Amino acid sequence: GCYPGQEIVARTHFLGRNKRRLARYEASGGHAHAPGARVLAADAQAGDAAGHVVASAATSDNRVVGLVVVRDDAPLAG
C-alpha cells in the first residue's frame, strides 16, 4: 500500500521539481467558480488551460476569492 501523497513525493523526487503550484485569486463578479473549472493563461489560445479551480467562494462585497492549481510556466493575468 501507499501512504497519502507518496505518489506526488516520488514524482517530484524523480522529475526534479513540481510542475504545478497552488495560487490564491480574487475576482469581481460575485459568483463562485465551480471546483474543476478551467483557468486560462493570460496568452491563452483556444482550449489552452493553465490550470483548474480547487475552491472558490463569493464574499459579501461582490467579489470572489479562491484557490487554483496552475502550471509553473503559465503566464497569468495580474
N, C-alpha and C. Protein backbone atom coordinates (compact mmCIF):
# COMPACT_ATOMS: atom_id res chain seq x y z
N GLY A 1 0.81 -1.19 0.00
CA GLY A 1 0.00 0.00 0.00
C GLY A 1 0.85 1.25 0.00
N CYS A 2 0.22 2.31 -0.27
CA CYS A 2 0.89 3.61 -0.31
C CYS A 2 0.31 4.52 0.76
N TYR A 3 1.13 5.41 1.26
CA TYR A 3 0.62 6.40 2.20
C TYR A 3 0.13 7.61 1.39
N PRO A 4 -0.77 8.43 1.94
CA PRO A 4 -1.28 9.58 1.20
C PRO A 4 -0.15 10.53 0.78
N GLY A 5 -0.12 10.85 -0.49
CA GLY A 5 0.90 11.77 -1.00
C GLY A 5 2.16 11.10 -1.49
N GLN A 6 2.28 9.80 -1.34
CA GLN A 6 3.51 9.11 -1.72
C GLN A 6 3.80 9.26 -3.21
N GLU A 7 2.77 9.15 -4.02
CA GLU A 7 2.98 9.26 -5.47
C GLU A 7 3.50 10.65 -5.85
N ILE A 8 2.94 11.68 -5.24
CA ILE A 8 3.38 13.05 -5.53
C ILE A 8 4.82 13.26 -5.10
N VAL A 9 5.17 12.78 -3.93
CA VAL A 9 6.54 12.91 -3.44
C VAL A 9 7.51 12.19 -4.36
N ALA A 10 7.17 10.98 -4.77
CA ALA A 10 8.05 10.21 -5.65
C ALA A 10 8.19 10.88 -7.01
N ARG A 11 7.08 11.37 -7.56
CA ARG A 11 7.12 12.03 -8.87
C ARG A 11 7.99 13.28 -8.81
N THR A 12 7.83 14.07 -7.76
CA THR A 12 8.63 15.28 -7.60
C THR A 12 10.11 14.92 -7.46
N HIS A 13 10.40 13.89 -6.70
CA HIS A 13 11.79 13.47 -6.49
C HIS A 13 12.45 13.05 -7.81
N PHE A 14 11.76 12.22 -8.60
CA PHE A 14 12.37 11.68 -9.81
C PHE A 14 12.35 12.66 -10.98
N LEU A 15 11.43 13.59 -11.01
CA LEU A 15 11.40 14.58 -12.08
C LEU A 15 12.23 15.81 -11.74
N GLY A 16 12.60 15.95 -10.49
CA GLY A 16 13.46 17.04 -10.09
C GLY A 16 12.73 18.26 -9.58
N ARG A 17 11.46 18.43 -9.91
CA ARG A 17 10.71 19.56 -9.40
C ARG A 17 9.22 19.36 -9.67
N ASN A 18 8.43 20.12 -8.98
CA ASN A 18 6.99 20.10 -9.20
C ASN A 18 6.67 21.03 -10.36
N LYS A 19 5.76 20.67 -11.22
CA LYS A 19 5.44 21.48 -12.39
C LYS A 19 4.16 22.29 -12.22
N ARG A 20 3.57 22.22 -11.03
CA ARG A 20 2.35 22.98 -10.75
C ARG A 20 2.49 23.67 -9.40
N ARG A 21 1.66 24.71 -9.20
CA ARG A 21 1.69 25.41 -7.93
C ARG A 21 0.27 25.81 -7.53
N LEU A 22 0.07 26.02 -6.26
CA LEU A 22 -1.20 26.48 -5.73
C LEU A 22 -1.13 27.99 -5.64
N ALA A 23 -2.18 28.67 -6.11
CA ALA A 23 -2.22 30.12 -6.07
C ALA A 23 -3.57 30.60 -5.58
N ARG A 24 -3.57 31.74 -4.92
CA ARG A 24 -4.80 32.38 -4.45
C ARG A 24 -5.23 33.36 -5.53
N TYR A 25 -6.53 33.52 -5.71
CA TYR A 25 -7.00 34.51 -6.67
C TYR A 25 -8.18 35.28 -6.13
N GLU A 26 -8.37 36.46 -6.69
CA GLU A 26 -9.52 37.30 -6.39
C GLU A 26 -10.08 37.78 -7.72
N ALA A 27 -11.40 37.89 -7.78
CA ALA A 27 -12.05 38.38 -8.99
C ALA A 27 -13.32 39.13 -8.61
N SER A 28 -13.75 40.00 -9.50
CA SER A 28 -15.02 40.67 -9.26
C SER A 28 -16.12 39.84 -9.91
N GLY A 29 -17.34 40.04 -9.49
CA GLY A 29 -18.43 39.33 -10.12
C GLY A 29 -19.39 38.66 -9.17
N GLY A 30 -18.95 38.23 -8.02
CA GLY A 30 -19.85 37.71 -7.03
C GLY A 30 -20.28 36.26 -7.16
N HIS A 31 -20.01 35.58 -8.25
CA HIS A 31 -20.40 34.17 -8.39
C HIS A 31 -19.17 33.29 -8.20
N ALA A 32 -19.25 32.37 -7.25
CA ALA A 32 -18.15 31.44 -7.02
C ALA A 32 -17.97 30.53 -8.23
N HIS A 33 -16.72 30.19 -8.50
CA HIS A 33 -16.41 29.29 -9.61
C HIS A 33 -16.47 27.85 -9.14
N ALA A 34 -16.96 26.98 -9.97
CA ALA A 34 -17.10 25.57 -9.61
C ALA A 34 -15.73 24.89 -9.52
N PRO A 35 -15.54 24.02 -8.52
CA PRO A 35 -14.29 23.25 -8.46
C PRO A 35 -14.10 22.49 -9.77
N GLY A 36 -12.88 22.53 -10.29
CA GLY A 36 -12.58 21.87 -11.55
C GLY A 36 -12.70 22.78 -12.76
N ALA A 37 -13.25 23.99 -12.58
CA ALA A 37 -13.37 24.92 -13.71
C ALA A 37 -11.99 25.27 -14.23
N ARG A 38 -11.87 25.41 -15.54
CA ARG A 38 -10.57 25.69 -16.15
C ARG A 38 -10.14 27.13 -15.89
N VAL A 39 -8.83 27.31 -15.71
CA VAL A 39 -8.22 28.63 -15.58
C VAL A 39 -7.39 28.83 -16.85
N LEU A 40 -7.62 29.94 -17.53
CA LEU A 40 -6.91 30.21 -18.77
C LEU A 40 -5.68 31.07 -18.52
N ALA A 41 -4.64 30.83 -19.29
CA ALA A 41 -3.42 31.64 -19.22
C ALA A 41 -3.69 33.01 -19.83
N ALA A 42 -2.88 33.99 -19.46
CA ALA A 42 -3.05 35.35 -19.98
C ALA A 42 -2.96 35.37 -21.50
N ASP A 43 -2.14 34.53 -22.09
CA ASP A 43 -1.97 34.48 -23.55
C ASP A 43 -2.64 33.23 -24.14
N ALA A 44 -3.74 32.80 -23.52
CA ALA A 44 -4.40 31.54 -23.89
C ALA A 44 -4.89 31.51 -25.32
N GLN A 45 -4.64 30.38 -25.95
CA GLN A 45 -5.22 30.09 -27.25
C GLN A 45 -6.43 29.21 -26.98
N ALA A 46 -7.23 28.98 -27.96
CA ALA A 46 -8.46 28.20 -27.79
C ALA A 46 -8.15 26.86 -27.13
N GLY A 47 -8.79 26.61 -26.00
CA GLY A 47 -8.67 25.32 -25.32
C GLY A 47 -7.42 25.13 -24.49
N ASP A 48 -6.57 26.15 -24.37
CA ASP A 48 -5.32 26.03 -23.63
C ASP A 48 -5.54 26.41 -22.17
N ALA A 49 -5.70 25.43 -21.30
CA ALA A 49 -5.93 25.69 -19.88
C ALA A 49 -4.60 25.76 -19.13
N ALA A 50 -4.49 26.73 -18.23
CA ALA A 50 -3.30 26.88 -17.40
C ALA A 50 -3.43 26.08 -16.11
N GLY A 51 -4.66 25.74 -15.74
CA GLY A 51 -4.88 25.01 -14.50
C GLY A 51 -6.36 24.86 -14.23
N HIS A 52 -6.70 24.66 -12.94
CA HIS A 52 -8.10 24.49 -12.58
C HIS A 52 -8.38 25.01 -11.17
N VAL A 53 -9.64 25.35 -10.94
CA VAL A 53 -10.08 25.86 -9.64
C VAL A 53 -10.17 24.70 -8.65
N VAL A 54 -9.64 24.92 -7.45
CA VAL A 54 -9.73 23.94 -6.37
C VAL A 54 -10.90 24.28 -5.46
N ALA A 55 -10.99 25.55 -5.07
CA ALA A 55 -12.07 26.01 -4.19
C ALA A 55 -12.32 27.48 -4.47
N SER A 56 -13.57 27.90 -4.29
CA SER A 56 -13.94 29.28 -4.57
C SER A 56 -15.14 29.67 -3.72
N ALA A 57 -15.19 30.94 -3.31
CA ALA A 57 -16.32 31.42 -2.51
C ALA A 57 -16.58 32.89 -2.82
N ALA A 58 -17.85 33.26 -2.82
CA ALA A 58 -18.24 34.66 -3.01
C ALA A 58 -18.17 35.36 -1.67
N THR A 59 -17.76 36.63 -1.68
CA THR A 59 -17.69 37.42 -0.46
C THR A 59 -18.89 38.36 -0.39
N SER A 60 -19.06 39.01 0.73
CA SER A 60 -20.20 39.90 0.92
C SER A 60 -20.07 41.19 0.11
N ASP A 61 -18.88 41.52 -0.38
CA ASP A 61 -18.69 42.75 -1.17
C ASP A 61 -18.61 42.48 -2.68
N ASN A 62 -19.34 41.44 -3.14
CA ASN A 62 -19.46 41.12 -4.57
C ASN A 62 -18.13 40.76 -5.23
N ARG A 63 -17.27 40.07 -4.50
CA ARG A 63 -16.00 39.58 -5.06
C ARG A 63 -15.96 38.07 -4.88
N VAL A 64 -15.04 37.45 -5.57
CA VAL A 64 -14.83 36.01 -5.46
C VAL A 64 -13.38 35.78 -5.07
N VAL A 65 -13.14 34.91 -4.10
CA VAL A 65 -11.79 34.51 -3.72
C VAL A 65 -11.70 33.00 -3.84
N GLY A 66 -10.51 32.51 -4.12
CA GLY A 66 -10.38 31.07 -4.25
C GLY A 66 -8.95 30.62 -4.41
N LEU A 67 -8.81 29.31 -4.60
CA LEU A 67 -7.51 28.67 -4.82
C LEU A 67 -7.55 27.97 -6.17
N VAL A 68 -6.45 28.08 -6.90
CA VAL A 68 -6.31 27.40 -8.19
C VAL A 68 -4.98 26.66 -8.23
N VAL A 69 -4.92 25.58 -8.97
CA VAL A 69 -3.67 24.88 -9.26
C VAL A 69 -3.32 25.24 -10.69
N VAL A 70 -2.12 25.80 -10.89
CA VAL A 70 -1.71 26.25 -12.22
C VAL A 70 -0.33 25.69 -12.57
N ARG A 71 -0.07 25.58 -13.87
CA ARG A 71 1.27 25.16 -14.34
C ARG A 71 2.29 26.24 -13.98
N ASP A 72 3.50 25.85 -13.68
CA ASP A 72 4.56 26.81 -13.38
C ASP A 72 4.86 27.73 -14.54
N ASP A 73 4.73 27.23 -15.76
CA ASP A 73 5.09 28.02 -16.94
C ASP A 73 3.92 28.85 -17.49
N ALA A 74 2.79 28.87 -16.79
CA ALA A 74 1.60 29.58 -17.27
C ALA A 74 1.68 31.06 -16.92
N PRO A 75 1.67 31.94 -17.92
CA PRO A 75 1.62 33.38 -17.63
C PRO A 75 0.19 33.77 -17.26
N LEU A 76 -0.02 34.17 -16.02
CA LEU A 76 -1.36 34.51 -15.57
C LEU A 76 -1.54 36.02 -15.57
N ALA A 77 -2.76 36.44 -15.82
CA ALA A 77 -3.08 37.87 -15.79
C ALA A 77 -3.06 38.35 -14.34
N GLY A 78 -2.60 39.58 -14.12
CA GLY A 78 -2.49 40.21 -12.82
C GLY A 78 -3.60 39.93 -11.94
